[in-house]
Amino acid sequence: MKLLHVDTSPKGAMSSSRALSHFFVDQLRLRLPALAVDYLDLAAETLPPMTEVFTSATYTPEDERTPEMRAVLATSDALCRRLLAADALLFAMPMHNWTMPAAFKAFVDAIVRGGLTYVATDDGRYIGTLGDKKVLFVTTRGVDLRPGTPFAAMDALTPALRAAFGFIGVADPQFVDAQPLQFARALERDMALERARRELTGIADDWAGHDRPQHTPLPRANGTGISAALGSVAGGCAA
């Protein structure tokens, strides 16, 4: 399996989304020793913004593009090749102001490309070309946005990711959302990260074709069982 692993958080070693994405890669490599990883750090490799030349070039037939257009599209072309060459895609990011970080939005703008990651048919349909990929989004959220919580309606990240990647063929992506973190008490953060690691371990089993163990007890945080009731989550914007 070839995995494209994309990290987004600007927090470096302090990032929970990075820690979780690397945990998943480690778990997957334990099960698939021949795993090949193509790694991209969007905090370190800043993508160029969309420009007038870029947008014009994307709608210009390839054989009619000017040298300037080809140069402007070079980064986008390379990213699309990396996506298409992978068997599986792992995207890790924090939630910023209820949606995706700016660095990941720039990535999305670069990879949604006609003729590469989607094609338009003569009868007016659009068909994505990434339908054969396993796709996992690992996100971290400052507050709890799960259904039934006070902030549930504020989750603009999940639908945005589903829409953008659904358009390029990803019909059923998997999500592991660690929440609440930034604005939660220490025990709640520990429990959220434990839930995420457990989910990631299960997905690693699934991707590797292994049977998951049944009735494995959850780990304990600060001596308290995971089944302990959660307290209320402090308010604030997501991080």
Protein backbone atom coordinates (compact mmCIF):
# COMPACT_ATOMS: atom_id res chain seq x y z
CA MET A 1 0.00 0.00 0.00
CA LYS A 2 1.14 3.52 -0.81
CA LEU A 3 -0.16 6.16 1.58
CA LEU A 4 -0.22 9.92 1.03
CA HIS A 5 0.00 11.43 4.53
CA VAL A 6 -0.82 15.14 4.80
CA ASP A 7 -0.40 17.13 8.02
CA THR A 8 -1.72 20.66 8.35
CA SER A 9 -1.39 21.96 11.90
CA PRO A 10 0.97 24.92 12.45
CA LYS A 11 1.65 23.78 16.04
CA GLY A 12 4.51 21.43 15.17
CA ALA A 13 5.44 19.06 17.99
CA MET A 14 2.60 20.47 20.14
CA SER A 15 -0.04 19.39 17.62
CA SER A 16 -2.58 16.74 18.62
CA SER A 17 -3.67 16.16 15.02
CA ARG A 18 -0.07 15.44 14.03
CA ALA A 19 0.40 13.09 16.97
CA LEU A 20 -2.75 11.19 16.04
CA SER A 21 -1.91 10.97 12.34
CA HIS A 22 1.55 9.63 13.11
CA PHE A 23 0.04 7.18 15.60
CA PHE A 24 -2.17 5.88 12.78
CA VAL A 25 0.76 5.53 10.38
CA ASP A 26 2.70 3.61 13.05
CA GLN A 27 -0.28 1.30 13.62
CA LEU A 28 -0.70 0.74 9.90
CA ARG A 29 3.00 0.03 9.43
CA LEU A 30 2.89 -2.59 12.20
CA ARG A 31 0.27 -4.40 10.13
CA LEU A 32 1.73 -3.61 6.71
CA PRO A 33 5.55 -3.58 7.00
CA ALA A 34 5.88 -2.80 3.28
CA LEU A 35 3.79 0.38 3.65
CA ALA A 36 5.20 3.23 1.53
CA VAL A 37 4.46 6.74 2.80
CA ASP A 38 4.53 9.94 0.77
CA TYR A 39 4.52 12.73 3.39
CA LEU A 40 3.40 16.32 2.89
CA ASP A 41 3.50 18.99 5.62
CA LEU A 42 1.32 21.90 4.57
CA ALA A 43 2.61 24.05 7.42
CA ALA A 44 6.16 23.71 6.10
CA GLU A 45 5.38 23.68 2.37
CA THR A 46 3.17 26.72 1.83
CA LEU A 47 1.10 26.43 -1.33
CA PRO A 48 0.77 29.43 -3.65
CA PRO A 49 -2.59 31.22 -3.63
CA MET A 50 -4.99 31.03 -6.54
CA THR A 51 -4.41 33.81 -9.06
CA GLU A 52 -6.02 35.04 -12.24
CA VAL A 53 -3.44 33.14 -14.29
CA PHE A 54 -4.07 29.95 -12.31
CA THR A 55 -7.84 30.06 -12.73
CA SER A 56 -7.52 30.86 -16.44
CA ALA A 57 -5.02 28.06 -16.94
CA THR A 58 -7.23 25.42 -15.32
CA TYR A 59 -9.96 26.10 -17.90
CA THR A 60 -7.58 26.29 -20.86
CA PRO A 61 -6.99 23.09 -22.87
CA GLU A 62 -3.57 21.67 -22.06
CA ASP A 63 -2.22 22.09 -25.58
CA GLU A 64 -3.24 25.76 -25.58
CA ARG A 65 -1.61 26.80 -22.31
CA THR A 66 1.14 29.37 -22.35
CA PRO A 67 4.50 28.75 -20.67
CA GLU A 68 3.34 31.05 -17.85
CA MET A 69 0.20 28.99 -17.36
CA ARG A 70 2.18 25.75 -17.24
CA ALA A 71 4.54 27.22 -14.68
CA VAL A 72 1.68 28.42 -12.47
CA LEU A 73 0.02 24.98 -12.62
CA ALA A 74 3.18 23.03 -11.87
CA THR A 75 2.60 22.73 -8.11
CA SER A 76 -1.04 21.77 -8.58
CA ASP A 77 -0.12 19.22 -11.27
CA ALA A 78 2.43 17.62 -8.94
CA LEU A 79 -0.04 17.41 -6.05
CA CYS A 80 -2.65 15.79 -8.28
CA ARG A 81 -0.10 13.21 -9.43
CA ARG A 82 0.71 12.38 -5.80
CA LEU A 83 -2.97 11.93 -4.99
CA LEU A 84 -3.61 9.71 -7.99
CA ALA A 85 -0.50 7.60 -7.33
CA ALA A 86 -1.56 6.74 -3.77
CA ASP A 87 -3.73 3.81 -2.71
CA ALA A 88 -4.83 5.57 0.48
CA LEU A 89 -5.04 9.15 1.70
CA LEU A 90 -4.60 10.41 5.27
CA PHE A 91 -5.40 14.04 6.01
CA ALA A 92 -4.86 15.45 9.50
CA MET A 93 -5.88 18.92 10.61
CA PRO A 94 -7.19 21.01 13.49
CA MET A 95 -10.50 22.77 13.21
CA HIS A 96 -9.91 26.51 12.80
CA ASN A 97 -12.88 28.78 13.42
CA TRP A 98 -15.30 25.89 12.86
CA THR A 99 -13.87 24.80 9.48
CA MET A 100 -10.65 23.73 7.74
CA PRO A 101 -7.36 25.60 8.22
CA ALA A 102 -6.40 28.05 5.47
CA ALA A 103 -3.46 25.85 4.49
CA PHE A 104 -5.75 22.92 3.79
CA LYS A 105 -8.21 25.09 1.87
CA ALA A 106 -5.29 26.09 -0.39
CA PHE A 107 -4.55 22.38 -0.82
CA VAL A 108 -8.17 21.68 -1.82
CA ASP A 109 -8.07 24.56 -4.31
CA ALA A 110 -4.94 23.05 -5.83
CA ILE A 111 -6.23 19.47 -6.20
CA VAL A 112 -9.78 19.96 -7.49
CA ARG A 113 -8.73 19.95 -11.15
CA GLY A 114 -10.74 19.25 -14.25
CA GLY A 115 -9.19 16.48 -16.34
CA LEU A 116 -7.14 15.26 -13.40
CA THR A 117 -9.19 14.67 -10.25
CA TYR A 118 -12.55 14.98 -11.97
CA VAL A 119 -13.80 14.80 -15.54
CA ALA A 120 -16.83 16.42 -17.17
CA THR A 121 -18.90 14.15 -19.39
CA ASP A 122 -20.71 15.08 -22.58
CA ASP A 123 -24.06 14.68 -20.84
CA GLY A 124 -23.22 17.25 -18.17
CA ARG A 125 -22.09 14.99 -15.34
CA TYR A 126 -18.92 15.33 -13.27
CA ILE A 127 -17.08 12.17 -12.29
CA GLY A 128 -14.34 12.14 -9.69
CA THR A 129 -11.24 10.03 -10.25
CA LEU A 130 -10.36 9.24 -6.61
CA GLY A 131 -13.12 6.71 -6.07
CA ASP A 132 -10.70 3.82 -5.61
CA LYS A 133 -8.86 5.38 -2.65
CA LYS A 134 -9.18 4.69 1.04
CA VAL A 135 -9.54 8.12 2.68
CA LEU A 136 -9.24 9.07 6.34
CA PHE A 137 -9.63 12.51 7.89
CA VAL A 138 -8.20 12.99 11.38
CA THR A 139 -9.43 16.20 12.94
CA THR A 140 -9.02 17.85 16.32
CA ARG A 141 -11.62 20.21 17.75
CA GLY A 142 -11.41 22.62 20.67
CA VAL A 143 -14.96 21.90 21.85
CA ASP A 144 -17.29 18.93 21.54
CA LEU A 145 -19.29 19.09 18.30
CA ARG A 146 -20.78 15.61 18.43
CA PRO A 147 -24.55 15.31 17.82
CA GLY A 148 -26.53 16.42 20.82
CA THR A 149 -23.91 18.83 22.14
CA PRO A 150 -24.44 22.61 22.30
CA PHE A 151 -21.92 23.25 19.51
CA ALA A 152 -23.02 20.47 17.14
CA ALA A 153 -24.52 22.89 14.61
CA MET A 154 -21.21 24.79 14.38
CA ASP A 155 -19.37 21.98 12.58
CA ALA A 156 -18.65 23.44 9.15
CA LEU A 157 -15.54 21.27 8.73
CA THR A 158 -17.09 17.85 8.18
CA PRO A 159 -19.59 18.90 5.46
CA ALA A 160 -16.93 20.98 3.70
CA LEU A 161 -14.56 18.01 3.52
CA ARG A 162 -17.32 15.66 2.39
CA ALA A 163 -18.40 18.08 -0.34
CA ALA A 164 -14.95 18.87 -1.72
CA PHE A 165 -13.70 15.30 -1.75
CA GLY A 166 -17.04 13.86 -2.76
CA PHE A 167 -16.83 15.94 -5.93
CA ILE A 168 -13.51 14.30 -6.83
CA GLY A 169 -14.83 10.80 -6.22
CA VAL A 170 -14.46 10.09 -2.49
CA ALA A 171 -17.93 8.80 -1.67
CA ASP A 172 -17.35 7.33 1.78
CA PRO A 173 -14.43 8.90 3.66
CA GLN A 174 -13.70 7.90 7.24
CA PHE A 175 -13.44 10.44 10.05
CA VAL A 176 -11.77 10.31 13.43
CA ASP A 177 -12.56 13.50 15.34
CA ALA A 178 -10.76 14.09 18.63
CA GLN A 179 -13.02 16.33 20.70
CA PRO A 180 -13.14 18.25 23.01
CA LEU A 181 -9.50 19.27 23.42
CA GLN A 182 -8.41 22.91 23.69
CA PHE A 183 -11.31 24.14 25.81
CA ALA A 184 -11.90 20.99 27.86
CA ARG A 185 -10.67 19.81 31.24
CA ALA A 186 -7.60 17.56 31.34
CA LEU A 187 -9.59 14.37 31.94
CA GLU A 188 -11.92 15.15 29.03
CA ARG A 189 -8.93 15.78 26.73
CA ASP A 190 -7.34 12.50 27.78
CA MET A 191 -10.56 10.64 27.11
CA ALA A 192 -11.02 12.30 23.71
CA LEU A 193 -7.51 11.33 22.62
CA GLU A 194 -8.00 7.78 23.88
CA ARG A 195 -11.22 7.47 21.89
CA ALA A 196 -9.42 8.72 18.79
CA ARG A 197 -6.50 6.31 19.20
CA ARG A 198 -8.90 3.40 19.65
CA GLU A 199 -10.79 4.36 16.48
CA LEU A 200 -7.53 4.76 14.57
CA THR A 201 -6.34 1.33 15.69
CA GLY A 202 -9.57 -0.18 14.39
CA ILE A 203 -9.22 1.58 11.03
CA ALA A 204 -5.62 0.35 10.75
CA ASP A 205 -6.94 -3.18 11.27
CA ASP A 206 -9.59 -2.66 8.61
CA TRP A 207 -7.18 -1.18 6.08
CA ALA A 208 -4.73 -3.99 6.62
CA GLY A 209 -7.48 -6.59 6.31
CA HIS A 210 -7.06 -7.80 9.88
CA ASP A 211 -9.88 -8.89 12.14
CA ARG A 212 -10.44 -6.51 15.03
CA PRO A 213 -10.28 -8.00 18.54
CA GLN A 214 -13.64 -8.13 20.25
CA HIS A 215 -14.48 -6.65 23.63
CA THR A 216 -11.08 -5.08 24.17
CA PRO A 217 -11.34 -2.88 27.27
CA LEU A 218 -10.68 0.80 26.79
CA PRO A 219 -7.59 2.25 28.45
CA ARG A 220 -8.00 4.36 31.55
CA ALA A 221 -7.23 8.05 31.97
CA ASN A 222 -5.87 9.34 35.28
CA GLY A 223 -7.22 6.24 37.01
CA THR A 224 -10.78 6.90 35.84
CA GLY A 225 -12.62 4.58 33.44
CA ILE A 226 -13.62 5.84 30.02
CA SER A 227 -17.22 5.19 30.93
CA ALA A 228 -17.09 7.98 33.51
CA ALA A 229 -19.59 10.69 32.79
CA LEU A 230 -18.28 13.75 30.99
CA GLY A 231 -18.68 17.11 32.59
CA SER A 232 -19.82 20.18 30.71
CA VAL A 233 -17.43 21.51 28.09
CA ALA A 234 -16.12 25.03 28.42
CA GLY A 235 -17.23 27.35 25.64
CA GLY A 236 -15.08 29.08 23.08
CA CYS A 237 -14.17 28.90 19.44
CA ALA A 238 -12.72 25.72 18.01
CA ALA A 239 -8.99 25.27 17.65
